[in-house]
Amino acid sequence: MKYYDYDQSQYNFTDLFESLFNSKNLDMISEMHDVEYERFNIPGKDSETLYHKIFYDKMRSGWTEFILTYEKFIVKNIFPLLGNPSELIIQKWPSFRIHLPNNLAVAGFHRDCDYNHPEKEINFIVPITKMYESNSTIIEQNIGKLDFEQITAEPGQFIRFDGNKLLHGNLPNTTGKTRISFDFRVLRKKDYDASHSKTSLSKNNKFLIGHYYKILKRE
């Protein structure tokens, strides 16, 4: 697990999410809506909140400003970490995460390979609000060792880790503050397998270019 800084003034993620949810206090967003959710314990159900619907409806409608910012972020910050290849295969839409008070963000600890993700994926997390204490993601540091470390990060940072092989998850959020973040996966071109026939267990997505992935070229 590695932490990196980026220049927030170049990527208006916070402004975009504040506009999306009509809130200047994203870590208190749960107080805006009189909605309670059962404790998430079923994969797939943990992405069916009102907030997920707002995010993915916006993506489906063509949220150009966010997509351009997301892709610019990858080109300027992720490409250099991977040797500045001419192109990368990236998750077409990032995964939206919200860790509501007294709930979970993701149902259960897991490795991405448990959900049929290709082996060579590289994971990145981008916090939109502070990630700390029990509203954060907890990640194993060495495969099979159960030596968990909790992410402590804030907007202006991002985190790289091997989500395919390292066990990760979260605890019930007792901070009283909502955590919002997004995460995504990339593949080097040489690691892409066009014959990968497995689909995601939660949404039945194909892990192929034109489905889960797209090609992003370096500027």
Protein backbone atom coordinates (compact mmCIF):
# COMPACT_ATOMS: atom_id res chain seq x y z
CA MET A 1 0.00 0.00 0.00
CA LYS A 2 1.50 3.32 -1.09
CA TYR A 3 0.30 6.90 -0.62
CA TYR A 4 0.75 9.70 -3.15
CA ASP A 5 -0.17 13.38 -3.24
CA TYR A 6 -1.75 15.24 -6.14
CA ASP A 7 -2.59 18.86 -6.85
CA GLN A 8 -6.27 19.31 -6.05
CA SER A 9 -6.37 22.60 -7.94
CA GLN A 10 -5.90 20.62 -11.15
CA TYR A 11 -8.73 18.16 -10.50
CA ASN A 12 -12.03 19.50 -9.15
CA PHE A 13 -13.30 16.20 -7.78
CA THR A 14 -14.60 17.74 -4.56
CA ASP A 15 -16.50 20.48 -6.41
CA LEU A 16 -18.02 17.90 -8.75
CA PHE A 17 -19.28 15.72 -5.90
CA GLU A 18 -20.54 18.71 -3.93
CA SER A 19 -22.53 19.77 -6.98
CA LEU A 20 -23.75 16.24 -7.63
CA PHE A 21 -25.10 15.82 -4.11
CA ASN A 22 -25.97 19.50 -3.58
CA SER A 23 -23.92 19.62 -0.39
CA LYS A 24 -20.89 21.53 0.87
CA ASN A 25 -20.55 19.09 3.79
CA LEU A 26 -20.14 15.73 2.12
CA ASP A 27 -19.06 14.00 5.32
CA MET A 28 -22.46 14.90 6.83
CA ILE A 29 -24.48 14.00 3.73
CA SER A 30 -26.49 11.31 5.50
CA GLU A 31 -28.26 14.03 7.52
CA MET A 32 -29.72 15.48 4.31
CA HIS A 33 -31.92 12.47 3.62
CA ASP A 34 -34.24 10.62 5.94
CA VAL A 35 -33.07 7.24 4.68
CA GLU A 36 -31.85 4.32 6.73
CA TYR A 37 -30.20 1.23 5.28
CA GLU A 38 -29.87 -2.22 6.72
CA ARG A 39 -26.32 -3.28 7.46
CA PHE A 40 -24.81 -4.15 4.08
CA ASN A 41 -23.85 -7.81 4.09
CA ILE A 42 -24.64 -8.96 0.57
CA PRO A 43 -22.29 -8.16 -2.36
CA GLY A 44 -24.17 -6.03 -4.88
CA LYS A 45 -26.64 -4.68 -2.33
CA ASP A 46 -23.90 -2.41 -0.98
CA SER A 47 -24.08 -0.38 -4.19
CA GLU A 48 -27.82 0.24 -4.21
CA THR A 49 -28.11 3.32 -2.00
CA LEU A 50 -29.71 6.58 -3.04
CA TYR A 51 -26.21 8.01 -3.41
CA HIS A 52 -25.07 5.23 -5.75
CA LYS A 53 -28.18 5.82 -7.84
CA ILE A 54 -27.45 9.55 -8.10
CA PHE A 55 -23.82 8.90 -9.09
CA TYR A 56 -24.45 6.17 -11.67
CA ASP A 57 -27.51 7.89 -13.14
CA LYS A 58 -25.28 10.92 -13.70
CA MET A 59 -22.62 8.74 -15.32
CA ARG A 60 -25.20 7.10 -17.60
CA SER A 61 -26.51 10.51 -18.64
CA GLY A 62 -23.02 11.49 -19.80
CA TRP A 63 -21.11 13.25 -17.01
CA THR A 64 -18.46 14.61 -19.34
CA GLU A 65 -16.75 16.94 -16.86
CA PHE A 66 -16.15 14.14 -14.39
CA ILE A 67 -14.96 11.64 -17.01
CA LEU A 68 -12.51 14.14 -18.52
CA THR A 69 -11.18 14.98 -15.05
CA TYR A 70 -10.92 11.30 -14.12
CA GLU A 71 -9.00 10.44 -17.30
CA LYS A 72 -6.75 13.50 -16.98
CA PHE A 73 -5.98 12.41 -13.40
CA ILE A 74 -4.95 8.95 -14.59
CA VAL A 75 -2.77 10.27 -17.41
CA LYS A 76 -0.97 12.80 -15.20
CA ASN A 77 -0.69 10.76 -11.99
CA ILE A 78 -0.98 7.05 -12.76
CA PHE A 79 0.87 6.75 -16.06
CA PRO A 80 4.13 8.07 -14.52
CA LEU A 81 3.93 5.50 -11.70
CA LEU A 82 3.82 2.72 -14.28
CA GLY A 83 6.69 3.91 -16.46
CA ASN A 84 4.72 6.25 -18.74
CA PRO A 85 3.43 3.66 -21.21
CA SER A 86 1.82 4.90 -24.41
CA GLU A 87 -1.53 3.58 -23.17
CA LEU A 88 -3.20 1.84 -20.26
CA ILE A 89 -6.33 -0.21 -19.97
CA ILE A 90 -8.46 1.45 -17.31
CA GLN A 91 -11.75 0.87 -15.54
CA LYS A 92 -14.16 2.82 -17.74
CA TRP A 93 -16.20 4.16 -14.84
CA PRO A 94 -14.68 4.27 -11.36
CA SER A 95 -16.44 2.54 -8.49
CA PHE A 96 -18.29 4.95 -6.21
CA ARG A 97 -18.01 4.25 -2.47
CA ILE A 98 -19.94 5.70 0.43
CA HIS A 99 -19.37 4.60 4.01
CA LEU A 100 -22.41 5.79 5.91
CA PRO A 101 -22.45 6.10 9.72
CA ASN A 102 -23.26 2.82 11.48
CA ASN A 103 -22.89 0.88 8.26
CA LEU A 104 -20.39 -0.71 5.92
CA ALA A 105 -19.15 0.55 2.56
CA VAL A 106 -18.56 -2.90 1.05
CA ALA A 107 -20.14 -6.16 2.12
CA GLY A 108 -17.45 -8.31 3.66
CA PHE A 109 -13.69 -8.63 3.45
CA HIS A 110 -12.56 -9.96 0.10
CA ARG A 111 -9.89 -10.13 -2.55
CA ASP A 112 -10.86 -8.90 -6.01
CA CYS A 113 -9.90 -12.29 -7.45
CA ASP A 114 -12.85 -13.65 -5.42
CA TYR A 115 -15.05 -11.61 -7.79
CA ASN A 116 -13.33 -12.89 -10.95
CA HIS A 117 -11.19 -9.80 -11.56
CA PRO A 118 -8.13 -10.37 -13.77
CA GLU A 119 -4.98 -11.12 -11.82
CA LYS A 120 -2.78 -8.20 -12.91
CA GLU A 121 -5.12 -5.34 -12.06
CA ILE A 122 -3.66 -2.47 -10.01
CA ASN A 123 -6.02 -0.71 -7.59
CA PHE A 124 -6.20 2.98 -6.71
CA ILE A 125 -8.40 4.78 -4.15
CA VAL A 126 -9.14 8.52 -4.31
CA PRO A 127 -10.71 10.00 -1.14
CA ILE A 128 -13.29 12.75 -1.60
CA THR A 129 -13.69 13.14 2.17
CA LYS A 130 -11.28 12.17 4.94
CA MET A 131 -10.70 8.46 5.42
CA TYR A 132 -9.84 7.68 9.02
CA GLU A 133 -10.60 5.34 11.91
CA SER A 134 -13.66 3.17 11.31
CA ASN A 135 -14.92 4.95 8.16
CA SER A 136 -11.88 3.80 6.21
CA THR A 137 -10.70 0.84 4.16
CA ILE A 138 -8.56 -1.81 5.87
CA ILE A 139 -6.01 -3.64 3.73
CA GLU A 140 -3.82 -6.67 4.33
CA GLN A 141 -0.15 -5.76 3.79
CA ASN A 142 1.24 -9.18 2.87
CA ILE A 143 -0.68 -11.90 1.08
CA GLY A 144 -2.25 -14.33 3.50
CA LYS A 145 -0.72 -12.75 6.62
CA LEU A 146 -3.84 -10.94 7.88
CA ASP A 147 -1.53 -8.06 8.85
CA PHE A 148 -4.11 -5.35 8.26
CA GLU A 149 -3.42 -1.64 8.02
CA GLN A 150 -6.07 1.06 7.95
CA ILE A 151 -5.96 3.84 5.39
CA THR A 152 -5.65 7.31 6.86
CA ALA A 153 -5.92 9.78 3.99
CA GLU A 154 -7.64 12.96 2.89
CA PRO A 155 -8.55 14.78 -0.31
CA GLY A 156 -5.38 15.53 -2.26
CA GLN A 157 -4.03 12.03 -1.72
CA PHE A 158 -4.53 8.70 -3.45
CA ILE A 159 -3.57 5.16 -2.53
CA ARG A 160 -2.23 2.28 -4.60
CA PHE A 161 -2.60 -1.35 -3.53
CA ASP A 162 -2.96 -4.88 -4.87
CA GLY A 163 -6.66 -5.45 -4.31
CA ASN A 164 -6.60 -8.59 -6.42
CA LYS A 165 -4.54 -10.58 -3.92
CA LEU A 166 -4.68 -8.65 -0.65
CA LEU A 167 -7.67 -9.10 1.63
CA HIS A 168 -9.47 -5.80 2.21
CA GLY A 169 -12.72 -4.48 3.58
CA ASN A 170 -14.11 -2.20 6.25
CA LEU A 171 -15.68 -2.05 9.69
CA PRO A 172 -18.97 -0.50 10.83
CA ASN A 173 -18.51 3.26 10.68
CA THR A 174 -18.72 4.67 14.22
CA THR A 175 -17.11 8.06 13.45
CA GLY A 176 -20.42 9.81 12.82
CA LYS A 177 -18.98 11.09 9.52
CA THR A 178 -19.66 9.71 6.06
CA ARG A 179 -16.72 8.71 3.92
CA ILE A 180 -17.01 9.27 0.16
CA SER A 181 -14.36 8.01 -2.24
CA PHE A 182 -13.97 6.40 -5.60
CA ASP A 183 -11.61 3.69 -6.72
CA PHE A 184 -10.53 2.22 -10.01
CA ARG A 185 -8.34 -0.44 -11.53
CA VAL A 186 -5.86 -0.34 -14.38
CA LEU A 187 -4.03 -2.94 -16.43
CA ARG A 188 -0.85 -2.66 -18.41
CA LYS A 189 -1.49 -3.58 -22.02
CA LYS A 190 0.72 -6.67 -21.78
CA ASP A 191 -1.37 -7.95 -18.88
CA TYR A 192 -4.72 -7.67 -20.63
CA ASP A 193 -6.33 -11.01 -21.54
CA ALA A 194 -8.96 -10.66 -24.24
CA SER A 195 -9.98 -14.27 -23.62
CA HIS A 196 -10.84 -13.67 -19.96
CA SER A 197 -14.29 -15.22 -19.90
CA LYS A 198 -15.29 -14.67 -16.28
CA THR A 199 -17.69 -11.90 -15.35
CA SER A 200 -18.07 -9.97 -12.12
CA LEU A 201 -20.13 -11.80 -9.54
CA SER A 202 -22.03 -8.73 -8.33
CA LYS A 203 -23.05 -7.09 -11.64
CA ASN A 204 -22.16 -9.70 -14.27
CA ASN A 205 -19.84 -7.26 -16.07
CA LYS A 206 -17.41 -8.59 -18.66
CA PHE A 207 -13.79 -7.71 -17.88
CA LEU A 208 -13.14 -6.69 -21.46
CA ILE A 209 -12.38 -3.52 -23.39
CA GLY A 210 -15.69 -1.97 -24.38
CA HIS A 211 -17.36 -3.36 -21.29
CA TYR A 212 -15.62 -2.91 -17.91
CA TYR A 213 -12.48 -1.40 -19.46
CA LYS A 214 -11.43 1.18 -22.01
CA ILE A 215 -8.07 2.09 -23.55
CA LEU A 216 -6.63 5.39 -22.39
CA LYS A 217 -3.73 6.83 -24.37
CA ARG A 218 -1.00 9.05 -22.94
CA GLU A 219 -1.11 12.63 -24.18
